Amino acid sequence: MKTFSDSRSRVRRYALITAAIVLVLLAGVGVYGLLTGPTPPAARPSATTSPSVAPSASASLSPTAAKPPAVKGSRDPDVFARNLATTVFTWDTGSGLFPLDYSASILAVGDPTGMEQAGLASDVAAYLPSREQWVELRKHATRQSLTITRTYVPEAWGEAVSQAAPGQLPSGATAITIQGTRHRNGEWDGRPVSEDLPVSFTVFIACPPKAGSCYVLRLSQLNNPLT
């Protein structure tokens, strides 16, 4: 004879199973964009700059003699990932440049096929202050840099590669998770101030065997890396 208690137990069991499935699905979000390609621009939330068009470095630079740091190329995945991460986090509001100028340096070493450029532009915009924030930070001469403490290929990447269909990932594709400390320095009421915060993130790159250098595909959300 079925009881009310039995029914409640079944309901709880089904709820737990459903929750577990949802968690598994969410765990795959980190590489979903890379494995399926960029989301159409119309479906993306608006950002500081529209990710639907990847601006060229020459077209985006502000009218100033200053130039944003460039990503130093390398055929070594770990070295390139470190160079990329350092460039993403290095900026100075007193340089006369704007966030779009710094993002152009990252897009310059993006997917040469253009398939991931829209998604990468959106990723980079999330790492940089908005133009309005930049104007406020400039009043305090704010600048930023990164100290890297650890890099590694996450186990989740191996699982993603094993589940990818043939040809779904570009040749030499890999993911490298980076841990480090973000440094911000500036001035407040004429006095120097600083802030150090731990950060972690994953860069998705490709290093084709015959290419002169690796290139970047996508960036994970900040502090939401693959592990």
Protein backbone atom coordinates (compact mmCIF):
# COMPACT_ATOMS: atom_id res chain seq x y z
CA MET A 1 0.00 0.00 0.00
CA LYS A 2 1.45 3.34 -1.06
CA THR A 3 1.62 6.02 1.59
CA PHE A 4 1.91 9.79 1.51
CA SER A 5 5.43 9.43 2.92
CA ASP A 6 6.44 7.20 -0.02
CA SER A 7 5.16 9.79 -2.48
CA ARG A 8 7.12 12.54 -0.82
CA SER A 9 10.27 10.41 -0.91
CA ARG A 10 9.86 9.86 -4.66
CA VAL A 11 9.35 13.58 -5.22
CA ARG A 12 12.50 14.41 -3.30
CA ARG A 13 14.44 11.76 -5.23
CA TYR A 14 13.29 13.13 -8.58
CA ALA A 15 14.14 16.67 -7.46
CA LEU A 16 17.68 15.60 -6.52
CA ILE A 17 18.15 13.85 -9.86
CA THR A 18 16.92 16.92 -11.73
CA ALA A 19 19.26 19.19 -9.74
CA ALA A 20 22.21 16.91 -10.52
CA ILE A 21 21.44 17.06 -14.25
CA VAL A 22 21.27 20.86 -14.12
CA LEU A 23 24.66 21.03 -12.37
CA VAL A 24 26.22 18.82 -15.03
CA LEU A 25 24.82 21.05 -17.76
CA LEU A 26 26.11 24.18 -16.06
CA ALA A 27 29.54 22.63 -15.71
CA GLY A 28 29.73 22.47 -19.49
CA VAL A 29 28.92 26.13 -20.02
CA GLY A 30 32.58 27.11 -19.73
CA VAL A 31 33.45 25.47 -23.05
CA TYR A 32 30.04 25.56 -24.72
CA GLY A 33 30.75 28.73 -26.68
CA LEU A 34 34.05 27.39 -27.95
CA LEU A 35 32.67 24.02 -29.00
CA THR A 36 29.58 25.41 -30.74
CA GLY A 37 30.97 28.64 -32.13
CA PRO A 38 30.09 32.26 -31.33
CA THR A 39 26.56 33.22 -30.38
CA PRO A 40 24.86 35.44 -32.98
CA PRO A 41 25.39 39.12 -31.97
CA ALA A 42 21.63 39.75 -31.71
CA ALA A 43 21.39 37.24 -28.87
CA ARG A 44 24.22 38.75 -26.83
CA PRO A 45 23.79 41.41 -24.14
CA SER A 46 25.04 44.84 -25.15
CA ALA A 47 28.59 45.67 -24.13
CA THR A 48 30.82 48.73 -24.21
CA THR A 49 31.58 47.98 -27.83
CA SER A 50 29.48 45.88 -30.15
CA PRO A 51 31.07 42.42 -30.48
CA SER A 52 29.43 41.89 -33.85
CA VAL A 53 32.27 43.77 -35.56
CA ALA A 54 35.86 43.16 -34.55
CA PRO A 55 37.65 46.52 -34.89
CA SER A 56 41.11 46.60 -36.41
CA ALA A 57 43.95 47.91 -34.28
CA SER A 58 44.64 50.84 -36.62
CA ALA A 59 41.00 51.92 -36.69
CA SER A 60 40.42 51.73 -32.94
CA LEU A 61 43.44 53.54 -31.55
CA SER A 62 42.83 56.92 -29.95
CA PRO A 63 44.54 59.95 -31.52
CA THR A 64 47.61 59.79 -29.25
CA ALA A 65 51.24 58.78 -29.50
CA ALA A 66 50.72 56.12 -26.82
CA LYS A 67 50.16 52.53 -27.88
CA PRO A 68 48.63 49.67 -25.87
CA PRO A 69 50.83 46.69 -24.99
CA ALA A 70 50.94 44.01 -27.65
CA VAL A 71 50.72 40.28 -27.04
CA LYS A 72 54.13 38.74 -27.66
CA GLY A 73 53.78 35.73 -29.92
CA SER A 74 55.05 32.25 -29.06
CA ARG A 75 54.60 28.70 -30.32
CA ASP A 76 54.71 27.43 -26.73
CA PRO A 77 51.11 27.27 -25.38
CA ASP A 78 52.06 28.10 -21.79
CA VAL A 79 54.32 31.00 -22.77
CA PHE A 80 51.69 32.43 -25.12
CA ALA A 81 48.97 32.07 -22.48
CA ARG A 82 51.10 33.96 -19.98
CA ASN A 83 51.86 36.71 -22.49
CA LEU A 84 48.18 36.98 -23.35
CA ALA A 85 47.04 37.12 -19.72
CA THR A 86 49.60 39.78 -18.86
CA THR A 87 48.44 41.94 -21.77
CA VAL A 88 44.75 41.55 -20.90
CA PHE A 89 45.39 42.86 -17.38
CA THR A 90 47.90 45.61 -18.21
CA TRP A 91 46.42 49.07 -18.71
CA ASP A 92 46.92 52.66 -17.60
CA THR A 93 44.14 55.26 -17.63
CA GLY A 94 46.75 57.99 -17.82
CA SER A 95 48.06 56.78 -21.17
CA GLY A 96 45.47 58.70 -23.20
CA LEU A 97 44.01 55.43 -24.47
CA PHE A 98 40.56 53.93 -23.93
CA PRO A 99 39.37 50.34 -23.30
CA LEU A 100 38.73 49.78 -27.00
CA ASP A 101 42.39 50.50 -27.73
CA TYR A 102 43.50 47.82 -25.29
CA SER A 103 40.98 45.26 -26.56
CA ALA A 104 42.31 45.79 -30.10
CA SER A 105 45.66 44.33 -29.00
CA ILE A 106 43.94 41.11 -27.93
CA LEU A 107 41.80 40.89 -31.04
CA ALA A 108 44.95 41.28 -33.14
CA VAL A 109 46.06 37.81 -32.00
CA GLY A 110 42.59 36.28 -32.27
CA ASP A 111 41.27 33.46 -34.45
CA PRO A 112 42.57 34.21 -37.99
CA THR A 113 39.46 32.62 -39.49
CA GLY A 114 37.28 35.17 -37.70
CA MET A 115 34.95 32.48 -36.35
CA GLU A 116 35.60 33.34 -32.70
CA GLN A 117 36.30 37.08 -33.02
CA ALA A 118 32.81 38.24 -32.03
CA GLY A 119 32.81 36.06 -28.93
CA LEU A 120 36.37 37.09 -28.06
CA ALA A 121 35.48 40.78 -28.34
CA SER A 122 32.66 40.24 -25.86
CA ASP A 123 34.96 38.27 -23.53
CA VAL A 124 37.64 40.98 -23.51
CA ALA A 125 35.09 43.75 -22.91
CA ALA A 126 34.05 41.97 -19.71
CA TYR A 127 37.65 42.12 -18.43
CA LEU A 128 38.06 45.84 -19.06
CA PRO A 129 36.31 48.79 -17.40
CA SER A 130 33.49 50.38 -19.37
CA ARG A 131 34.22 53.72 -21.00
CA GLU A 132 32.29 55.50 -18.23
CA GLN A 133 34.24 53.64 -15.54
CA TRP A 134 37.45 54.42 -17.37
CA VAL A 135 36.75 58.16 -17.24
CA GLU A 136 36.23 57.96 -13.46
CA LEU A 137 39.33 55.82 -12.95
CA ARG A 138 41.38 58.29 -14.97
CA LYS A 139 40.61 60.97 -12.36
CA HIS A 140 42.58 58.83 -9.91
CA ALA A 141 45.41 57.93 -12.32
CA THR A 142 44.48 54.25 -12.01
CA ARG A 143 46.68 51.63 -13.61
CA GLN A 144 46.62 47.83 -13.49
CA SER A 145 48.98 44.89 -13.88
CA LEU A 146 49.07 41.14 -13.21
CA THR A 147 51.43 38.81 -11.40
CA ILE A 148 50.99 35.18 -12.49
CA THR A 149 51.55 32.53 -9.84
CA ARG A 150 50.40 29.33 -11.58
CA THR A 151 49.33 27.99 -14.96
CA TYR A 152 48.01 24.54 -15.84
CA VAL A 153 45.88 22.63 -18.34
CA PRO A 154 42.58 21.90 -16.55
CA GLU A 155 41.25 18.35 -16.33
CA ALA A 156 37.88 19.58 -17.63
CA TRP A 157 39.55 20.45 -20.93
CA GLY A 158 40.54 16.83 -21.51
CA GLU A 159 36.93 15.83 -21.01
CA ALA A 160 35.75 18.50 -23.44
CA VAL A 161 38.22 17.33 -26.10
CA SER A 162 37.17 13.70 -25.71
CA GLN A 163 33.53 14.67 -26.26
CA ALA A 164 34.16 17.00 -29.21
CA ALA A 165 33.29 15.75 -32.68
CA PRO A 166 36.12 15.35 -35.22
CA GLY A 167 37.07 18.75 -36.64
CA GLN A 168 35.02 20.63 -34.05
CA LEU A 169 38.12 22.13 -32.44
CA PRO A 170 40.90 23.87 -34.40
CA SER A 171 44.28 22.21 -34.75
CA GLY A 172 46.41 22.56 -31.64
CA ALA A 173 43.55 23.84 -29.47
CA THR A 174 44.12 23.80 -25.73
CA ALA A 175 42.99 25.51 -22.55
CA ILE A 176 45.24 26.94 -19.87
CA THR A 177 43.96 28.10 -16.51
CA ILE A 178 45.84 30.98 -14.94
CA GLN A 179 46.01 31.98 -11.30
CA GLY A 180 47.56 35.21 -10.14
CA THR A 181 47.16 38.57 -8.43
CA ARG A 182 45.67 41.67 -9.99
CA HIS A 183 47.39 44.88 -8.89
CA ARG A 184 45.68 48.27 -9.10
CA ASN A 185 47.43 51.50 -8.18
CA GLY A 186 46.29 55.09 -8.23
CA GLU A 187 45.77 58.24 -6.19
CA TRP A 188 43.08 59.36 -3.75
CA ASP A 189 43.11 62.91 -2.37
CA GLY A 190 46.69 63.22 -3.53
CA ARG A 191 47.81 60.08 -1.73
CA PRO A 192 48.93 56.82 -3.41
CA VAL A 193 46.53 53.89 -2.98
CA SER A 194 46.76 50.27 -4.10
CA GLU A 195 44.66 47.12 -4.17
CA ASP A 196 45.71 43.52 -4.76
CA LEU A 197 43.13 40.83 -5.52
CA PRO A 198 43.53 37.14 -6.43
CA VAL A 199 42.19 36.25 -9.89
CA SER A 200 41.75 33.05 -11.87
CA PHE A 201 40.54 32.44 -15.41
CA THR A 202 41.04 30.19 -18.42
CA VAL A 203 42.33 31.14 -21.85
CA PHE A 204 41.38 28.99 -24.84
CA ILE A 205 44.09 29.09 -27.48
CA ALA A 206 45.23 27.20 -30.55
CA CYS A 207 48.82 26.44 -31.52
CA PRO A 208 48.83 24.85 -35.00
CA PRO A 209 52.00 22.82 -35.69
CA LYS A 210 53.21 24.94 -38.63
CA ALA A 211 52.04 28.36 -37.40
CA GLY A 212 54.50 31.03 -36.34
CA SER A 213 52.61 31.63 -33.10
CA CYS A 214 49.60 30.50 -31.11
CA TYR A 215 46.41 32.55 -31.26
CA VAL A 216 43.57 33.13 -28.80
CA LEU A 217 40.08 31.70 -29.25
CA ARG A 218 38.12 32.73 -26.15
CA LEU A 219 38.46 33.75 -22.49
CA SER A 220 36.46 32.28 -19.63
CA GLN A 221 34.55 34.47 -17.21
CA LEU A 222 36.87 36.09 -14.71
CA ASN A 223 37.17 33.98 -11.53
CA ASN A 224 35.17 31.19 -13.16
CA PRO A 225 37.90 29.06 -14.73
CA LEU A 226 37.99 25.47 -15.87
CA THR A 227 39.61 23.26 -13.26
